[in-house]
Protein backbone atom coordinates (compact mmCIF):
# COMPACT_ATOMS: atom_id res chain seq x y z
CA MET A 1 0.00 0.00 0.00
CA ARG A 2 1.35 3.41 -1.03
CA LEU A 3 0.56 6.32 1.28
CA THR A 4 -0.72 9.26 -0.76
CA PHE A 5 -0.88 12.98 0.12
CA SER A 6 -2.43 15.93 -1.65
CA ARG A 7 -0.76 19.34 -1.78
CA ILE A 8 -3.55 20.76 0.41
CA GLU A 9 -2.97 18.07 3.03
CA LEU A 10 0.80 18.62 3.11
CA ASN A 11 0.27 22.37 3.54
CA ASP A 12 -2.23 21.77 6.37
CA LEU A 13 0.10 19.32 8.14
CA ALA A 14 3.01 21.77 7.93
CA LYS A 15 0.85 24.69 9.15
CA ALA A 16 -0.52 22.72 12.11
CA TRP A 17 2.94 21.36 13.05
CA ILE A 18 4.51 24.83 13.03
CA ILE A 19 1.72 26.57 14.96
CA ILE A 20 1.34 23.84 17.60
CA SER A 21 5.13 23.84 18.09
CA LEU A 22 5.11 27.63 18.49
CA ALA A 23 2.20 27.51 20.97
CA PHE A 24 3.91 24.97 23.23
CA ALA A 25 7.21 26.88 22.92
CA ILE A 26 5.48 30.03 24.20
CA VAL A 27 4.22 28.08 27.24
CA LEU A 28 7.69 26.62 27.86
CA SER A 29 9.14 30.15 27.62
CA ASP A 30 6.60 31.50 30.15
CA GLY A 31 5.08 33.70 27.45
CA ILE A 32 8.34 35.61 26.96
CA LEU A 33 9.32 36.06 23.30
CA GLY A 34 13.08 35.97 23.88
CA LEU A 35 16.05 33.90 22.75
CA SER A 36 14.87 30.84 24.68
CA LEU A 37 11.79 30.77 22.43
CA LEU A 38 13.89 29.56 19.49
CA SER A 39 15.26 26.52 21.30
CA ASN A 40 11.81 25.81 22.77
CA VAL A 41 10.25 25.89 19.28
CA LEU A 42 12.75 23.21 18.25
CA LEU A 43 12.05 21.25 21.45
CA ALA A 44 8.30 21.42 20.85
CA ALA A 45 8.64 20.53 17.16
CA LEU A 46 10.61 17.37 18.02
CA THR A 47 8.18 16.28 20.74
CA VAL A 48 4.68 17.76 20.52
CA GLY A 49 4.94 18.34 16.78
CA THR A 50 6.18 14.83 16.10
CA GLY A 51 3.57 13.33 18.42
CA PHE A 52 0.79 15.25 16.67
CA LEU A 53 2.04 14.52 13.15
CA LEU A 54 2.59 10.79 13.65
CA HIS A 55 -0.72 10.50 15.55
CA GLU A 56 -2.59 11.83 12.54
CA LEU A 57 -0.55 9.69 10.12
CA GLY A 58 -1.46 6.65 12.22
CA HIS A 59 -5.14 7.30 11.48
CA LYS A 60 -4.38 7.92 7.82
CA VAL A 61 -2.32 4.76 7.30
CA ILE A 62 -4.95 2.44 8.76
CA ALA A 63 -7.83 4.21 6.99
CA GLN A 64 -6.11 3.98 3.61
CA ARG A 65 -5.26 0.36 4.32
CA TYR A 66 -9.01 -0.26 4.56
CA GLY A 67 -9.57 1.48 1.23
CA CYS A 68 -10.87 4.76 2.60
CA TRP A 69 -10.08 8.25 1.41
CA ALA A 70 -8.23 9.90 4.30
CA GLU A 71 -6.64 13.35 4.48
CA PHE A 72 -5.69 15.72 7.29
CA ARG A 73 -7.33 19.13 7.42
CA ALA A 74 -6.14 21.86 9.77
CA ASP A 75 -8.61 23.94 11.76
CA SER A 76 -7.41 27.55 11.45
CA TYR A 77 -9.69 28.81 14.24
CA MET A 78 -8.42 26.19 16.71
CA LEU A 79 -4.81 26.88 15.71
CA LEU A 80 -5.34 30.58 16.42
CA LEU A 81 -6.92 29.66 19.75
CA ALA A 82 -3.86 27.54 20.59
CA ILE A 83 -1.57 30.55 20.09
CA VAL A 84 -3.82 32.89 22.11
CA THR A 85 -4.21 30.50 25.06
CA SER A 86 -0.47 29.75 25.10
CA PHE A 87 0.20 33.26 26.46
CA PHE A 88 -1.93 32.31 29.47
CA GLY A 89 0.17 29.21 30.18
CA ILE A 90 -2.06 26.59 28.55
CA VAL A 91 -2.50 25.20 25.05
CA PHE A 92 -5.91 24.21 23.78
CA ALA A 93 -4.51 21.86 21.15
CA ALA A 94 -7.04 20.62 18.61
CA PRO A 95 -5.18 21.52 15.41
CA GLY A 96 -7.39 19.55 13.04
CA ALA A 97 -8.26 15.99 12.15
CA VAL A 98 -7.96 13.31 9.50
CA MET A 99 -11.10 13.41 7.39
CA ILE A 100 -12.19 9.92 6.35
CA ALA A 101 -14.67 8.87 3.67
CA GLY A 102 -15.65 5.29 2.95
CA ARG A 103 -17.69 2.47 4.37
CA VAL A 104 -16.08 0.74 7.32
CA SER A 105 -17.37 -1.61 9.99
CA LYS A 106 -17.50 -0.63 13.67
CA MET A 107 -14.36 -2.74 14.24
CA ARG A 108 -12.41 -1.05 11.45
CA ASN A 109 -13.55 2.38 12.61
CA GLY A 110 -12.38 1.47 16.10
CA LEU A 111 -8.99 0.35 14.79
CA ILE A 112 -8.59 3.51 12.71
CA SER A 113 -9.35 5.57 15.83
CA LEU A 114 -7.05 3.48 18.03
CA ALA A 115 -4.10 3.96 15.66
CA GLY A 116 -3.45 7.58 16.72
CA PRO A 117 -3.22 7.03 20.50
CA ALA A 118 -1.29 3.79 19.87
CA VAL A 119 1.35 5.79 17.99
CA ASN A 120 1.64 8.18 20.96
CA ILE A 121 2.05 5.24 23.36
CA VAL A 122 4.86 3.80 21.21
CA LEU A 123 6.53 7.22 21.01
CA ALA A 124 6.27 7.63 24.80
CA PHE A 125 8.04 4.30 25.26
CA MET A 126 10.74 5.37 22.78
CA PHE A 127 11.33 8.71 24.48
CA LEU A 128 11.39 6.98 27.88
CA GLY A 129 14.10 4.61 26.68
CA LEU A 130 16.10 7.47 25.17
CA SER A 131 15.90 9.40 28.46
CA PHE A 132 18.32 6.89 29.99
CA ILE A 133 20.83 7.62 27.22
CA PHE A 134 20.39 11.39 26.92
CA SER A 135 19.97 12.61 30.47
CA ASN A 136 21.31 16.16 30.22
CA GLY A 137 21.09 19.29 28.10
CA PHE A 138 18.82 19.84 25.15
CA LEU A 139 18.56 16.17 24.18
CA GLY A 140 17.67 15.33 27.76
CA ASN A 141 14.85 17.87 27.58
CA VAL A 142 13.67 16.36 24.29
CA THR A 143 13.44 12.85 25.74
CA VAL A 144 11.64 13.87 28.94
CA PHE A 145 9.20 16.27 27.32
CA GLY A 146 8.59 13.82 24.47
CA TYR A 147 7.80 11.07 26.96
CA ILE A 148 5.45 13.21 29.03
CA ILE A 149 3.61 14.88 26.15
CA ASN A 150 3.07 11.68 24.15
CA SER A 151 1.72 9.76 27.12
CA TRP A 152 -0.60 12.71 27.82
CA LEU A 153 -1.73 12.90 24.17
CA ALA A 154 -2.63 9.20 24.33
CA ILE A 155 -4.67 9.70 27.53
CA PHE A 156 -6.49 12.77 26.22
CA ASN A 157 -7.42 11.16 22.90
CA LEU A 158 -8.67 8.01 24.63
CA ILE A 159 -11.29 9.89 26.68
CA PRO A 160 -14.54 8.24 25.50
CA ILE A 161 -16.56 11.38 24.78
CA TRP A 162 -17.60 13.65 21.91
CA ILE A 163 -15.58 13.13 18.69
CA LEU A 164 -12.41 11.94 20.44
CA ASP A 165 -10.76 8.68 19.37
CA GLY A 166 -11.65 7.07 22.68
CA LYS A 167 -15.38 7.30 21.98
CA LYS A 168 -15.08 5.24 18.79
CA VAL A 169 -12.70 2.71 20.35
CA PHE A 170 -14.99 2.39 23.41
CA ASP A 171 -18.05 1.86 21.20
CA TRP A 172 -16.21 -0.87 19.29
CA ASN A 173 -14.46 -2.82 22.07
CA LYS A 174 -14.47 -1.75 25.72
CA ILE A 175 -11.71 -4.23 26.65
CA VAL A 176 -9.33 -2.89 23.99
CA TRP A 177 -10.18 0.66 25.07
CA GLY A 178 -9.53 -0.20 28.73
CA VAL A 179 -6.18 -1.83 27.97
CA ALA A 180 -5.04 1.13 25.85
CA LEU A 181 -6.11 3.71 28.45
CA SER A 182 -4.52 1.74 31.31
CA LEU A 183 -1.26 1.55 29.37
CA ALA A 184 -1.30 5.29 28.65
CA LEU A 185 -2.13 6.15 32.28
CA SER A 186 0.61 3.85 33.57
CA LEU A 187 3.13 5.51 31.28
CA PHE A 188 2.09 9.00 32.35
CA PHE A 189 2.20 8.32 36.09
CA LEU A 190 5.42 6.31 35.77
CA LYS A 191 7.25 9.62 35.56
CA GLY A 192 6.64 10.07 39.29
CA ILE A 193 8.66 6.97 40.26
CA MET A 194 11.28 6.81 37.48
CA PRO A 195 14.67 8.55 37.93
CA LEU A 196 14.11 10.85 34.96
CA PRO A 197 16.06 14.06 34.38
CA THR A 198 14.06 17.26 34.88
CA LEU A 199 13.40 19.84 32.20
CA SER A 200 16.00 22.60 32.35
C-alpha cells in the first residue's frame, strides 16, 4: 500500500505542526518572546509536533489500508486559539483531524481511531528509553518532554466522549479501550517513580 498525500494536506500538516510547536514553545518560555523561544520551538517541534504529526498519520495509514479516502485538514480557528491560550500558560490543542470517507465496519472504525493514540504510546516508550541515554542538556529535555507529552496525548485522545478517538474505540471494544487507556495512564504516572532528568 502506497501512502498518498495531496498538496492541500501537506500544507495543512506543515501549518498545524509549526503553529502547535510555536504555541507549546510560548508556554515553555513563560510567554516571553526571547532567545529561549527559538530553542523551545525546536524542542516542541521534536516532541509535541512529532507526536501530533505521527498520531494523525497513524489514522491515515490504517484508513487507507481499509480502502478509505483519508486526508488531514487543519482547523485555522483552533490553531489561532492555541496561540492565544499559550500566552496564558495553557495550550488548547485541537489543530485539526484526518477526514475519512468510505464504508467501514464498527471494528475497522475502532482500529482507525485506536491507531493515533497507539502511535503516541509507542513514542512515549521510545522517548522513555532514550531518556536513559540522553539525560542532560537539550537532548535530555527532548526525551523527557517527548515522553510526558506523548503519554498525555494518548490519555487525552482516549477519553470516550464527543468526537475523540476514545469514543469510537470504546463503542467498538471496551476491553481494547480499557487496555489502551490503562497503558497510557501507567506511562504518564510512571514519571513520578522513574529517575528521569528534569526539564531545564
